[in-house]
Every structure is written in C-alpha cells, then in structure tokens.
Amino acid sequence: ARLINTSLTATSSSGAVLPNAQITEANDGQTVTVAARLTFDPTTPNK
C-alpha cells in the first residue's frame, strides 16, 4: 500500500520523450525505452 507512483515514461530511439507515452505509425520499427517508477511513500508514519 505504501509503494506508490507507478508512472511510466517512454523515449523514442532519437532520445525524444513521447508525450503521454503516445505511439503512432511514425514509431513503427523504432526501439523505444520504457521506464516505470515505483516510490516508497515519503509520508509513511512511525515504523
């Protein structure tokens, strides 16, 4: 429950970030780098 923020970003082979991780036919055949994040909630109380 405390592992939050499971966001995803995608970057094209040219290094450009794909806005909202959108793919079109222009990306056909491209290698895309996908990065998913996982954050331990910094407001976790006590122990």
PDB file of all heavy atoms in Angstrom:
ATOM      1  N   ALA A   1       0.821  -1.215   0.000  1.00  0.00           N
ATOM      2  CA  ALA A   1       0.000   0.000   0.000  1.00  0.00           C
ATOM      3  C   ALA A   1       0.855   1.266   0.000  1.00  0.00           C
ATOM      4  O   ALA A   1       0.402   2.316  -0.438  1.00  0.00           O
ATOM      5  CB  ALA A   1      -0.929  -0.003   1.207  1.00  0.00           C
ATOM      6  N   ARG A   2       2.093   1.173   0.470  1.00  0.00           N
ATOM      7  CA  ARG A   2       2.973   2.343   0.556  1.00  0.00           C
ATOM      8  C   ARG A   2       3.871   2.509  -0.664  1.00  0.00           C
ATOM      9  O   ARG A   2       4.569   3.508  -0.780  1.00  0.00           O
ATOM     10  CB  ARG A   2       3.828   2.273   1.831  1.00  0.00           C
ATOM     11  CG  ARG A   2       3.030   2.468   3.101  1.00  0.00           C
ATOM     12  CD  ARG A   2       2.470   3.853   3.126  1.00  0.00           C
ATOM     13  NE  ARG A   2       1.652   4.099   4.291  1.00  0.00           N
ATOM     14  CZ  ARG A   2       1.173   5.280   4.585  1.00  0.00           C
ATOM     15  NH1 ARG A   2       1.412   6.312   3.803  1.00  0.00           N
ATOM     16  NH2 ARG A   2       0.428   5.447   5.640  1.00  0.00           N
ATOM     17  N   LEU A   3       3.873   1.553  -1.560  1.00  0.00           N
ATOM     18  CA  LEU A   3       4.633   1.673  -2.807  1.00  0.00           C
ATOM     19  C   LEU A   3       3.716   2.325  -3.832  1.00  0.00           C
ATOM     20  O   LEU A   3       2.788   1.706  -4.342  1.00  0.00           O
ATOM     21  CB  LEU A   3       5.144   0.309  -3.275  1.00  0.00           C
ATOM     22  CG  LEU A   3       6.182  -0.309  -2.345  1.00  0.00           C
ATOM     23  CD1 LEU A   3       6.496  -1.726  -2.776  1.00  0.00           C
ATOM     24  CD2 LEU A   3       7.437   0.532  -2.281  1.00  0.00           C
ATOM     25  N   ILE A   4       3.967   3.598  -4.099  1.00  0.00           N
ATOM     26  CA  ILE A   4       3.062   4.422  -4.899  1.00  0.00           C
ATOM     27  C   ILE A   4       3.778   4.941  -6.140  1.00  0.00           C
ATOM     28  O   ILE A   4       4.946   4.637  -6.362  1.00  0.00           O
ATOM     29  CB  ILE A   4       2.521   5.604  -4.060  1.00  0.00           C
ATOM     30  CG1 ILE A   4       3.691   6.468  -3.575  1.00  0.00           C
ATOM     31  CG2 ILE A   4       1.681   5.104  -2.898  1.00  0.00           C
ATOM     32  CD1 ILE A   4       3.285   7.774  -2.926  1.00  0.00           C
ATOM     33  N   ASN A   5       3.096   5.781  -6.896  1.00  0.00           N
ATOM     34  CA  ASN A   5       3.668   6.451  -8.066  1.00  0.00           C
ATOM     35  C   ASN A   5       4.276   5.458  -9.040  1.00  0.00           C
ATOM     36  O   ASN A   5       5.473   5.428  -9.249  1.00  0.00           O
ATOM     37  CB  ASN A   5       4.704   7.507  -7.660  1.00  0.00           C
ATOM     38  CG  ASN A   5       5.204   8.294  -8.870  1.00  0.00           C
ATOM     39  OD1 ASN A   5       4.573   8.323  -9.909  1.00  0.00           O
ATOM     40  ND2 ASN A   5       6.352   8.914  -8.728  1.00  0.00           N
ATOM     41  N   THR A   6       3.439   4.660  -9.612  1.00  0.00           N
ATOM     42  CA  THR A   6       3.902   3.692 -10.609  1.00  0.00           C
ATOM     43  C   THR A   6       3.732   4.281 -12.001  1.00  0.00           C
ATOM     44  O   THR A   6       3.022   3.738 -12.833  1.00  0.00           O
ATOM     45  CB  THR A   6       3.138   2.361 -10.467  1.00  0.00           C
ATOM     46  OG1 THR A   6       1.743   2.654 -10.514  1.00  0.00           O
ATOM     47  CG2 THR A   6       3.470   1.660  -9.186  1.00  0.00           C
ATOM     48  N   SER A   7       4.385   5.421 -12.225  1.00  0.00           N
ATOM     49  CA  SER A   7       4.267   6.110 -13.508  1.00  0.00           C
ATOM     50  C   SER A   7       5.171   5.489 -14.567  1.00  0.00           C
ATOM     51  O   SER A   7       6.101   4.761 -14.244  1.00  0.00           O
ATOM     52  CB  SER A   7       4.603   7.593 -13.347  1.00  0.00           C
ATOM     53  OG  SER A   7       5.943   7.730 -12.931  1.00  0.00           O
ATOM     54  N   LEU A   8       4.886   5.813 -15.826  1.00  0.00           N
ATOM     55  CA  LEU A   8       5.667   5.272 -16.938  1.00  0.00           C
ATOM     56  C   LEU A   8       6.019   6.397 -17.889  1.00  0.00           C
ATOM     57  O   LEU A   8       5.196   7.264 -18.176  1.00  0.00           O
ATOM     58  CB  LEU A   8       4.842   4.215 -17.676  1.00  0.00           C
ATOM     59  CG  LEU A   8       5.533   3.573 -18.870  1.00  0.00           C
ATOM     60  CD1 LEU A   8       5.391   2.071 -18.811  1.00  0.00           C
ATOM     61  CD2 LEU A   8       4.964   4.105 -20.169  1.00  0.00           C
ATOM     62  N   THR A   9       7.257   6.395 -18.370  1.00  0.00           N
ATOM     63  CA  THR A   9       7.666   7.319 -19.429  1.00  0.00           C
ATOM     64  C   THR A   9       8.241   6.488 -20.572  1.00  0.00           C
ATOM     65  O   THR A   9       8.754   5.385 -20.365  1.00  0.00           O
ATOM     66  CB  THR A   9       8.728   8.334 -18.957  1.00  0.00           C
ATOM     67  OG1 THR A   9       9.847   7.627 -18.442  1.00  0.00           O
ATOM     68  CG2 THR A   9       8.170   9.265 -17.897  1.00  0.00           C
ATOM     69  N   ALA A  10       8.145   7.039 -21.768  1.00  0.00           N
ATOM     70  CA  ALA A  10       8.669   6.357 -22.949  1.00  0.00           C
ATOM     71  C   ALA A  10       9.490   7.348 -23.752  1.00  0.00           C
ATOM     72  O   ALA A  10       9.117   8.509 -23.907  1.00  0.00           O
ATOM     73  CB  ALA A  10       7.523   5.802 -23.791  1.00  0.00           C
ATOM     74  N   THR A  11      10.631   6.863 -24.250  1.00  0.00           N
ATOM     75  CA  THR A  11      11.542   7.689 -25.036  1.00  0.00           C
ATOM     76  C   THR A  11      11.804   6.991 -26.361  1.00  0.00           C
ATOM     77  O   THR A  11      12.059   5.780 -26.392  1.00  0.00           O
ATOM     78  CB  THR A  11      12.874   7.881 -24.278  1.00  0.00           C
ATOM     79  OG1 THR A  11      12.584   8.321 -22.951  1.00  0.00           O
ATOM     80  CG2 THR A  11      13.755   8.892 -24.957  1.00  0.00           C
ATOM     81  N   SER A  12      11.745   7.757 -27.452  1.00  0.00           N
ATOM     82  CA  SER A  12      11.985   7.173 -28.771  1.00  0.00           C
ATOM     83  C   SER A  12      13.480   6.910 -28.960  1.00  0.00           C
ATOM     84  O   SER A  12      14.310   7.356 -28.172  1.00  0.00           O
ATOM     85  CB  SER A  12      11.474   8.103 -29.871  1.00  0.00           C
ATOM     86  OG  SER A  12      12.303   9.239 -29.960  1.00  0.00           O
ATOM     87  N   SER A  13      13.806   6.221 -30.045  1.00  0.00           N
ATOM     88  CA  SER A  13      15.214   5.894 -30.322  1.00  0.00           C
ATOM     89  C   SER A  13      16.039   7.149 -30.587  1.00  0.00           C
ATOM     90  O   SER A  13      17.259   7.132 -30.445  1.00  0.00           O
ATOM     91  CB  SER A  13      15.311   4.917 -31.497  1.00  0.00           C
ATOM     92  OG  SER A  13      14.609   5.410 -32.613  1.00  0.00           O
ATOM     93  N   SER A  14      15.378   8.257 -30.915  1.00  0.00           N
ATOM     94  CA  SER A  14      16.114   9.516 -31.125  1.00  0.00           C
ATOM     95  C   SER A  14      16.374  10.247 -29.808  1.00  0.00           C
ATOM     96  O   SER A  14      17.040  11.272 -29.788  1.00  0.00           O
ATOM     97  CB  SER A  14      15.319  10.432 -32.068  1.00  0.00           C
ATOM     98  OG  SER A  14      14.128  10.859 -31.439  1.00  0.00           O
ATOM     99  N   GLY A  15      15.812   9.720 -28.716  1.00  0.00           N
ATOM    100  CA  GLY A  15      16.000  10.345 -27.411  1.00  0.00           C
ATOM    101  C   GLY A  15      14.874  11.275 -27.019  1.00  0.00           C
ATOM    102  O   GLY A  15      14.867  11.811 -25.918  1.00  0.00           O
ATOM    103  N   ALA A  16      13.896  11.465 -27.883  1.00  0.00           N
ATOM    104  CA  ALA A  16      12.773  12.354 -27.576  1.00  0.00           C
ATOM    105  C   ALA A  16      11.762  11.639 -26.682  1.00  0.00           C
ATOM    106  O   ALA A  16      11.413  10.481 -26.929  1.00  0.00           O
ATOM    107  CB  ALA A  16      12.089  12.800 -28.862  1.00  0.00           C
ATOM    108  N   VAL A  17      11.329  12.336 -25.652  1.00  0.00           N
ATOM    109  CA  VAL A  17      10.286  11.781 -24.787  1.00  0.00           C
ATOM    110  C   VAL A  17       8.981  11.769 -25.568  1.00  0.00           C
ATOM    111  O   VAL A  17       8.625  12.756 -26.221  1.00  0.00           O
ATOM    112  CB  VAL A  17      10.141  12.615 -23.488  1.00  0.00           C
ATOM    113  CG1 VAL A  17       8.951  12.143 -22.666  1.00  0.00           C
ATOM    114  CG2 VAL A  17      11.417  12.549 -22.672  1.00  0.00           C
ATOM    115  N   LEU A  18       8.275  10.656 -25.530  1.00  0.00           N
ATOM    116  CA  LEU A  18       6.991  10.538 -26.218  1.00  0.00           C
ATOM    117  C   LEU A  18       5.913  11.101 -25.292  1.00  0.00           C
ATOM    118  O   LEU A  18       5.643  10.518 -24.243  1.00  0.00           O
ATOM    119  CB  LEU A  18       6.697   9.076 -26.562  1.00  0.00           C
ATOM    120  CG  LEU A  18       7.711   8.410 -27.486  1.00  0.00           C
ATOM    121  CD1 LEU A  18       7.445   6.917 -27.598  1.00  0.00           C
ATOM    122  CD2 LEU A  18       7.685   9.059 -28.859  1.00  0.00           C
ATOM    123  N   PRO A  19       5.327  12.249 -25.637  1.00  0.00           N
ATOM    124  CA  PRO A  19       4.321  12.866 -24.756  1.00  0.00           C
ATOM    125  C   PRO A  19       3.195  11.890 -24.429  1.00  0.00           C
ATOM    126  O   PRO A  19       2.633  11.261 -25.329  1.00  0.00           O
ATOM    127  CB  PRO A  19       3.796  14.052 -25.570  1.00  0.00           C
ATOM    128  CG  PRO A  19       4.862  14.325 -26.584  1.00  0.00           C
ATOM    129  CD  PRO A  19       5.503  13.001 -26.869  1.00  0.00           C
ATOM    130  N   ASN A  20       2.893  11.762 -23.168  1.00  0.00           N
ATOM    131  CA  ASN A  20       1.844  10.851 -22.688  1.00  0.00           C
ATOM    132  C   ASN A  20       2.038   9.423 -23.179  1.00  0.00           C
ATOM    133  O   ASN A  20       1.082   8.673 -23.308  1.00  0.00           O
ATOM    134  CB  ASN A  20       0.460  11.368 -23.069  1.00  0.00           C
ATOM    135  CG  ASN A  20       0.179  12.727 -22.493  1.00  0.00           C
ATOM    136  OD1 ASN A  20       0.437  12.975 -21.316  1.00  0.00           O
ATOM    137  ND2 ASN A  20      -0.321  13.625 -23.311  1.00  0.00           N
ATOM    138  N   ALA A  21       3.296   9.059 -23.478  1.00  0.00           N
ATOM    139  CA  ALA A  21       3.651   7.716 -23.949  1.00  0.00           C
ATOM    140  C   ALA A  21       2.827   7.304 -25.176  1.00  0.00           C
ATOM    141  O   ALA A  21       2.405   6.166 -25.312  1.00  0.00           O
ATOM    142  CB  ALA A  21       3.516   6.693 -22.821  1.00  0.00           C
ATOM    143  N   GLN A  22       2.613   8.275 -26.095  1.00  0.00           N
ATOM    144  CA  GLN A  22       1.824   8.028 -27.298  1.00  0.00           C
ATOM    145  C   GLN A  22       2.696   7.477 -28.425  1.00  0.00           C
ATOM    146  O   GLN A  22       3.801   7.940 -28.654  1.00  0.00           O
ATOM    147  CB  GLN A  22       1.156   9.318 -27.772  1.00  0.00           C
ATOM    148  CG  GLN A  22       0.127   9.859 -26.798  1.00  0.00           C
ATOM    149  CD  GLN A  22      -1.031   8.913 -26.606  1.00  0.00           C
ATOM    150  OE1 GLN A  22      -1.795   8.652 -27.526  1.00  0.00           O
ATOM    151  NE2 GLN A  22      -1.151   8.377 -25.403  1.00  0.00           N
ATOM    152  N   ILE A  23       2.157   6.495 -29.116  1.00  0.00           N
ATOM    153  CA  ILE A  23       2.809   5.844 -30.250  1.00  0.00           C
ATOM    154  C   ILE A  23       1.948   6.082 -31.484  1.00  0.00           C
ATOM    155  O   ILE A  23       0.719   6.005 -31.416  1.00  0.00           O
ATOM    156  CB  ILE A  23       2.944   4.320 -29.992  1.00  0.00           C
ATOM    157  CG1 ILE A  23       3.835   4.049 -28.783  1.00  0.00           C
ATOM    158  CG2 ILE A  23       3.428   3.586 -31.222  1.00  0.00           C
ATOM    159  CD1 ILE A  23       5.288   4.367 -28.973  1.00  0.00           C
ATOM    160  N   THR A  24       2.602   6.365 -32.622  1.00  0.00           N
ATOM    161  CA  THR A  24       1.898   6.485 -33.895  1.00  0.00           C
ATOM    162  C   THR A  24       2.625   5.634 -34.926  1.00  0.00           C
ATOM    163  O   THR A  24       3.663   5.025 -34.621  1.00  0.00           O
ATOM    164  CB  THR A  24       1.858   7.954 -34.391  1.00  0.00           C
ATOM    165  OG1 THR A  24       3.200   8.344 -34.729  1.00  0.00           O
ATOM    166  CG2 THR A  24       1.271   8.887 -33.350  1.00  0.00           C
ATOM    167  N   GLU A  25       2.127   5.640 -36.146  1.00  0.00           N
ATOM    168  CA  GLU A  25       2.773   4.885 -37.218  1.00  0.00           C
ATOM    169  C   GLU A  25       4.200   5.382 -37.449  1.00  0.00           C
ATOM    170  O   GLU A  25       5.059   4.631 -37.902  1.00  0.00           O
ATOM    171  CB  GLU A  25       1.953   4.972 -38.502  1.00  0.00           C
ATOM    172  CG  GLU A  25       2.496   4.059 -39.579  1.00  0.00           C
ATOM    173  CD  GLU A  25       1.643   4.034 -40.828  1.00  0.00           C
ATOM    174  OE1 GLU A  25       0.974   5.026 -41.135  1.00  0.00           O
ATOM    175  OE2 GLU A  25       1.663   2.988 -41.506  1.00  0.00           O
ATOM    176  N   ALA A  26       4.479   6.636 -37.094  1.00  0.00           N
ATOM    177  CA  ALA A  26       5.834   7.179 -37.246  1.00  0.00           C
ATOM    178  C   ALA A  26       6.843   6.430 -36.373  1.00  0.00           C
ATOM    179  O   ALA A  26       8.038   6.454 -36.641  1.00  0.00           O
ATOM    180  CB  ALA A  26       5.846   8.667 -36.896  1.00  0.00           C
ATOM    181  N   ASN A  27       6.367   5.743 -35.326  1.00  0.00           N
ATOM    182  CA  ASN A  27       7.245   4.984 -34.434  1.00  0.00           C
ATOM    183  C   ASN A  27       7.440   3.541 -34.890  1.00  0.00           C
ATOM    184  O   ASN A  27       8.156   2.781 -34.228  1.00  0.00           O
ATOM    185  CB  ASN A  27       6.699   4.996 -33.005  1.00  0.00           C
ATOM    186  CG  ASN A  27       6.518   6.387 -32.460  1.00  0.00           C
ATOM    187  OD1 ASN A  27       5.389   6.836 -32.270  1.00  0.00           O
ATOM    188  ND2 ASN A  27       7.607   7.092 -32.238  1.00  0.00           N
ATOM    189  N   ASP A  28       6.814   3.155 -35.996  1.00  0.00           N
ATOM    190  CA  ASP A  28       6.919   1.777 -36.470  1.00  0.00           C
ATOM    191  C   ASP A  28       8.378   1.397 -36.691  1.00  0.00           C
ATOM    192  O   ASP A  28       9.121   2.103 -37.368  1.00  0.00           O
ATOM    193  CB  ASP A  28       6.133   1.611 -37.781  1.00  0.00           C
ATOM    194  CG  ASP A  28       6.100   0.173 -38.250  1.00  0.00           C
ATOM    195  OD1 ASP A  28       5.887  -0.717 -37.413  1.00  0.00           O
ATOM    196  OD2 ASP A  28       6.288  -0.059 -39.464  1.00  0.00           O
ATOM    197  N   GLY A  29       8.798   0.299 -36.082  1.00  0.00           N
ATOM    198  CA  GLY A  29      10.161  -0.205 -36.228  1.00  0.00           C
ATOM    199  C   GLY A  29      11.158   0.427 -35.273  1.00  0.00           C
ATOM    200  O   GLY A  29      12.315   0.002 -35.226  1.00  0.00           O
ATOM    201  N   GLN A  30      10.749   1.423 -34.520  1.00  0.00           N
ATOM    202  CA  GLN A  30      11.669   2.086 -33.588  1.00  0.00           C
ATOM    203  C   GLN A  30      11.828   1.286 -32.300  1.00  0.00           C
ATOM    204  O   GLN A  30      10.908   0.620 -31.844  1.00  0.00           O
ATOM    205  CB  GLN A  30      11.167   3.485 -33.209  1.00  0.00           C
ATOM    206  CG  GLN A  30      11.266   4.489 -34.292  1.00  0.00           C
ATOM    207  CD  GLN A  30      10.861   5.887 -33.796  1.00  0.00           C
ATOM    208  OE1 GLN A  30      10.456   6.084 -32.654  1.00  0.00           O
ATOM    209  NE2 GLN A  30      10.976   6.866 -34.684  1.00  0.00           N
ATOM    210  N   THR A  31      13.015   1.408 -31.723  1.00  0.00           N
ATOM    211  CA  THR A  31      13.250   0.874 -30.393  1.00  0.00           C
ATOM    212  C   THR A  31      12.885   1.974 -29.406  1.00  0.00           C
ATOM    213  O   THR A  31      13.356   3.100 -29.515  1.00  0.00           O
ATOM    214  CB  THR A  31      14.719   0.461 -30.207  1.00  0.00           C
ATOM    215  OG1 THR A  31      14.999  -0.577 -31.160  1.00  0.00           O
ATOM    216  CG2 THR A  31      14.976  -0.047 -28.806  1.00  0.00           C
ATOM    217  N   VAL A  32      12.005   1.646 -28.488  1.00  0.00           N
ATOM    218  CA  VAL A  32      11.521   2.608 -27.503  1.00  0.00           C
ATOM    219  C   VAL A  32      12.024   2.178 -26.125  1.00  0.00           C
ATOM    220  O   VAL A  32      11.994   0.995 -25.789  1.00  0.00           O
ATOM    221  CB  VAL A  32       9.975   2.674 -27.521  1.00  0.00           C
ATOM    222  CG1 VAL A  32       9.447   3.566 -26.415  1.00  0.00           C
ATOM    223  CG2 VAL A  32       9.488   3.153 -28.877  1.00  0.00           C
ATOM    224  N   THR A  33      12.511   3.144 -25.366  1.00  0.00           N
ATOM    225  CA  THR A  33      12.934   2.881 -23.993  1.00  0.00           C
ATOM    226  C   THR A  33      11.769   3.209 -23.074  1.00  0.00           C
ATOM    227  O   THR A  33      11.216   4.309 -23.120  1.00  0.00           O
ATOM    228  CB  THR A  33      14.162   3.737 -23.622  1.00  0.00           C
ATOM    229  OG1 THR A  33      15.213   3.431 -24.537  1.00  0.00           O
ATOM    230  CG2 THR A  33      14.622   3.457 -22.208  1.00  0.00           C
ATOM    231  N   VAL A  34      11.386   2.240 -22.271  1.00  0.00           N
ATOM    232  CA  VAL A  34      10.263   2.385 -21.352  1.00  0.00           C
ATOM    233  C   VAL A  34      10.823   2.375 -19.937  1.00  0.00           C
ATOM    234  O   VAL A  34      11.634   1.507 -19.583  1.00  0.00           O
ATOM    235  CB  VAL A  34       9.259   1.226 -21.538  1.00  0.00           C
ATOM    236  CG1 VAL A  34       8.112   1.342 -20.564  1.00  0.00           C
ATOM    237  CG2 VAL A  34       8.764   1.175 -22.973  1.00  0.00           C
ATOM    238  N   ALA A  35      10.392   3.351 -19.125  1.00  0.00           N
ATOM    239  CA  ALA A  35      10.853   3.438 -17.737  1.00  0.00           C
ATOM    240  C   ALA A  35       9.653   3.534 -16.816  1.00  0.00           C
ATOM    241  O   ALA A  35       8.823   4.433 -16.958  1.00  0.00           O
ATOM    242  CB  ALA A  35      11.761   4.647 -17.555  1.00  0.00           C
ATOM    243  N   ALA A  36       9.552   2.593 -15.882  1.00  0.00           N
ATOM    244  CA  ALA A  36       8.461   2.582 -14.904  1.00  0.00           C
ATOM    245  C   ALA A  36       9.050   2.881 -13.523  1.00  0.00           C
ATOM    246  O   ALA A  36      10.082   2.327 -13.148  1.00  0.00           O
ATOM    247  CB  ALA A  36       7.774   1.223 -14.902  1.00  0.00           C
ATOM    248  N   ARG A  37       8.383   3.762 -12.786  1.00  0.00           N
ATOM    249  CA  ARG A  37       8.860   4.180 -11.459  1.00  0.00           C
ATOM    250  C   ARG A  37       7.997   3.585 -10.363  1.00  0.00           C
ATOM    251  O   ARG A  37       6.807   3.377 -10.533  1.00  0.00           O
ATOM    252  CB  ARG A  37       8.817   5.700 -11.336  1.00  0.00           C
ATOM    253  CG  ARG A  37       9.729   6.401 -12.281  1.00  0.00           C
ATOM    254  CD  ARG A  37       9.482   7.904 -12.233  1.00  0.00           C
ATOM    255  NE  ARG A  37      10.322   8.565 -13.208  1.00  0.00           N
ATOM    256  CZ  ARG A  37      11.276   9.419 -12.897  1.00  0.00           C
ATOM    257  NH1 ARG A  37      11.498   9.747 -11.645  1.00  0.00           N
ATOM    258  NH2 ARG A  37      12.005   9.967 -13.835  1.00  0.00           N
ATOM    259  N   LEU A  38       8.640   3.406  -9.221  1.00  0.00           N
ATOM    260  CA  LEU A  38       7.973   2.904  -8.028  1.00  0.00           C
ATOM    261  C   LEU A  38       8.560   3.656  -6.839  1.00  0.00           C
ATOM    262  O   LEU A  38       9.769   3.604  -6.612  1.00  0.00           O
ATOM    263  CB  LEU A  38       8.230   1.401  -7.899  1.00  0.00           C
ATOM    264  CG  LEU A  38       7.562   0.662  -6.770  1.00  0.00           C
ATOM    265  CD1 LEU A  38       6.048   0.676  -6.942  1.00  0.00           C
ATOM    266  CD2 LEU A  38       8.061  -0.776  -6.738  1.00  0.00           C
ATOM    267  N   THR A  39       7.720   4.403  -6.111  1.00  0.00           N
ATOM    268  CA  THR A  39       8.185   5.234  -4.999  1.00  0.00           C
ATOM    269  C   THR A  39       7.616   4.720  -3.682  1.00  0.00           C
ATOM    270  O   THR A  39       6.426   4.406  -3.597  1.00  0.00           O
ATOM    271  CB  THR A  39       7.742   6.704  -5.206  1.00  0.00           C
ATOM    272  OG1 THR A  39       8.315   7.176  -6.422  1.00  0.00           O
ATOM    273  CG2 THR A  39       8.192   7.597  -4.063  1.00  0.00           C
ATOM    274  N   PHE A  40       8.463   4.656  -2.659  1.00  0.00           N
ATOM    275  CA  PHE A  40       8.024   4.326  -1.300  1.00  0.00           C
ATOM    276  C   PHE A  40       7.503   5.633  -0.716  1.00  0.00           C
ATOM    277  O   PHE A  40       8.239   6.604  -0.574  1.00  0.00           O
ATOM    278  CB  PHE A  40       9.189   3.784  -0.482  1.00  0.00           C
ATOM    279  CG  PHE A  40       8.813   3.148   0.839  1.00  0.00           C
ATOM    280  CD1 PHE A  40       9.731   2.330   1.476  1.00  0.00           C
ATOM    281  CD2 PHE A  40       7.601   3.357   1.462  1.00  0.00           C
ATOM    282  CE1 PHE A  40       9.440   1.737   2.701  1.00  0.00           C
ATOM    283  CE2 PHE A  40       7.283   2.770   2.674  1.00  0.00           C
ATOM    284  CZ  PHE A  40       8.217   1.951   3.297  1.00  0.00           C
ATOM    285  N   ASP A  41       6.218   5.672  -0.393  1.00  0.00           N
ATOM    286  CA  ASP A  41       5.537   6.878   0.083  1.00  0.00           C
ATOM    287  C   ASP A  41       6.353   7.584   1.168  1.00  0.00           C
ATOM    288  O   ASP A  41       6.592   7.020   2.238  1.00  0.00           O
ATOM    289  CB  ASP A  41       4.162   6.501   0.620  1.00  0.00           C
ATOM    290  CG  ASP A  41       3.308   7.691   1.004  1.00  0.00           C
ATOM    291  OD1 ASP A  41       3.807   8.834   0.986  1.00  0.00           O
ATOM    292  OD2 ASP A  41       2.124   7.474   1.317  1.00  0.00           O
ATOM    293  N   PRO A  42       6.791   8.830   0.904  1.00  0.00           N
ATOM    294  CA  PRO A  42       7.616   9.545   1.877  1.00  0.00           C
ATOM    295  C   PRO A  42       6.857   9.952   3.136  1.00  0.00           C
ATOM    296  O   PRO A  42       7.473  10.300   4.146  1.00  0.00           O
ATOM    297  CB  PRO A  42       8.091  10.784   1.110  1.00  0.00           C
ATOM    298  CG  PRO A  42       7.142  10.955  -0.006  1.00  0.00           C
ATOM    299  CD  PRO A  42       6.607   9.595  -0.327  1.00  0.00           C
ATOM    300  N   THR A  43       5.529   9.872   3.118  1.00  0.00           N
ATOM    301  CA  THR A  43       4.749  10.248   4.306  1.00  0.00           C
ATOM    302  C   THR A  43       4.415   9.041   5.184  1.00  0.00           C
ATOM    303  O   THR A  43       3.564   9.139   6.066  1.00  0.00           O
ATOM    304  CB  THR A  43       3.441  10.950   3.885  1.00  0.00           C
ATOM    305  OG1 THR A  43       2.614  10.023   3.171  1.00  0.00           O
ATOM    306  CG2 THR A  43       3.722  12.182   3.027  1.00  0.00           C
ATOM    307  N   THR A  44       5.076   7.913   4.954  1.00  0.00           N
ATOM    308  CA  THR A  44       4.821   6.715   5.750  1.00  0.00           C
ATOM    309  C   THR A  44       5.144   7.007   7.221  1.00  0.00           C
ATOM    310  O   THR A  44       6.270   7.386   7.544  1.00  0.00           O
ATOM    311  CB  THR A  44       5.673   5.535   5.239  1.00  0.00           C
ATOM    312  OG1 THR A  44       5.357   5.319   3.864  1.00  0.00           O
ATOM    313  CG2 THR A  44       5.401   4.270   6.030  1.00  0.00           C
ATOM    314  N   PRO A  45       4.160   6.858   8.113  1.00  0.00           N
ATOM    315  CA  PRO A  45       4.372   7.236   9.517  1.00  0.00           C
ATOM    316  C   PRO A  45       5.041   6.143  10.361  1.00  0.00           C
ATOM    317  O   PRO A  45       5.001   4.957  10.016  1.00  0.00           O
ATOM    318  CB  PRO A  45       2.956   7.495  10.015  1.00  0.00           C
ATOM    319  CG  PRO A  45       2.117   6.540   9.219  1.00  0.00           C
ATOM    320  CD  PRO A  45       2.778   6.460   7.865  1.00  0.00           C
ATOM    321  N   ASN A  46       5.630   6.608  11.463  1.00  0.00           N
ATOM    322  CA  ASN A  46       6.165   5.729  12.506  1.00  0.00           C
ATOM    323  C   ASN A  46       7.061   4.648  11.933  1.00  0.00           C
ATOM    324  O   ASN A  46       7.952   4.915  11.159  1.00  0.00           O
ATOM    325  CB  ASN A  46       5.027   5.170  13.353  1.00  0.00           C
ATOM    326  CG  ASN A  46       4.144   6.267  13.922  1.00  0.00           C
ATOM    327  OD1 ASN A  46       4.648   7.297  14.386  1.00  0.00           O
ATOM    328  ND2 ASN A  46       2.837   6.085  13.870  1.00  0.00           N
ATOM    329  N   LYS A  47       6.799   3.415  12.316  1.00  0.00           N
ATOM    330  CA  LYS A  47       7.625   2.296  11.835  1.00  0.00           C
ATOM    331  C   LYS A  47       6.847   1.401  10.870  1.00  0.00           C
ATOM    332  O   LYS A  47       7.178   0.245  10.674  1.00  0.00           O
ATOM    333  CB  LYS A  47       8.105   1.465  13.028  1.00  0.00           C
ATOM    334  CG  LYS A  47       9.049   2.214  13.942  1.00  0.00           C
ATOM    335  CD  LYS A  47       9.540   1.299  15.041  1.00  0.00           C
ATOM    336  CE  LYS A  47      10.555   2.014  15.908  1.00  0.00           C
ATOM    337  NZ  LYS A  47      11.178   1.101  16.864  1.00  0.00           N
TER     338      LYS A  47
END
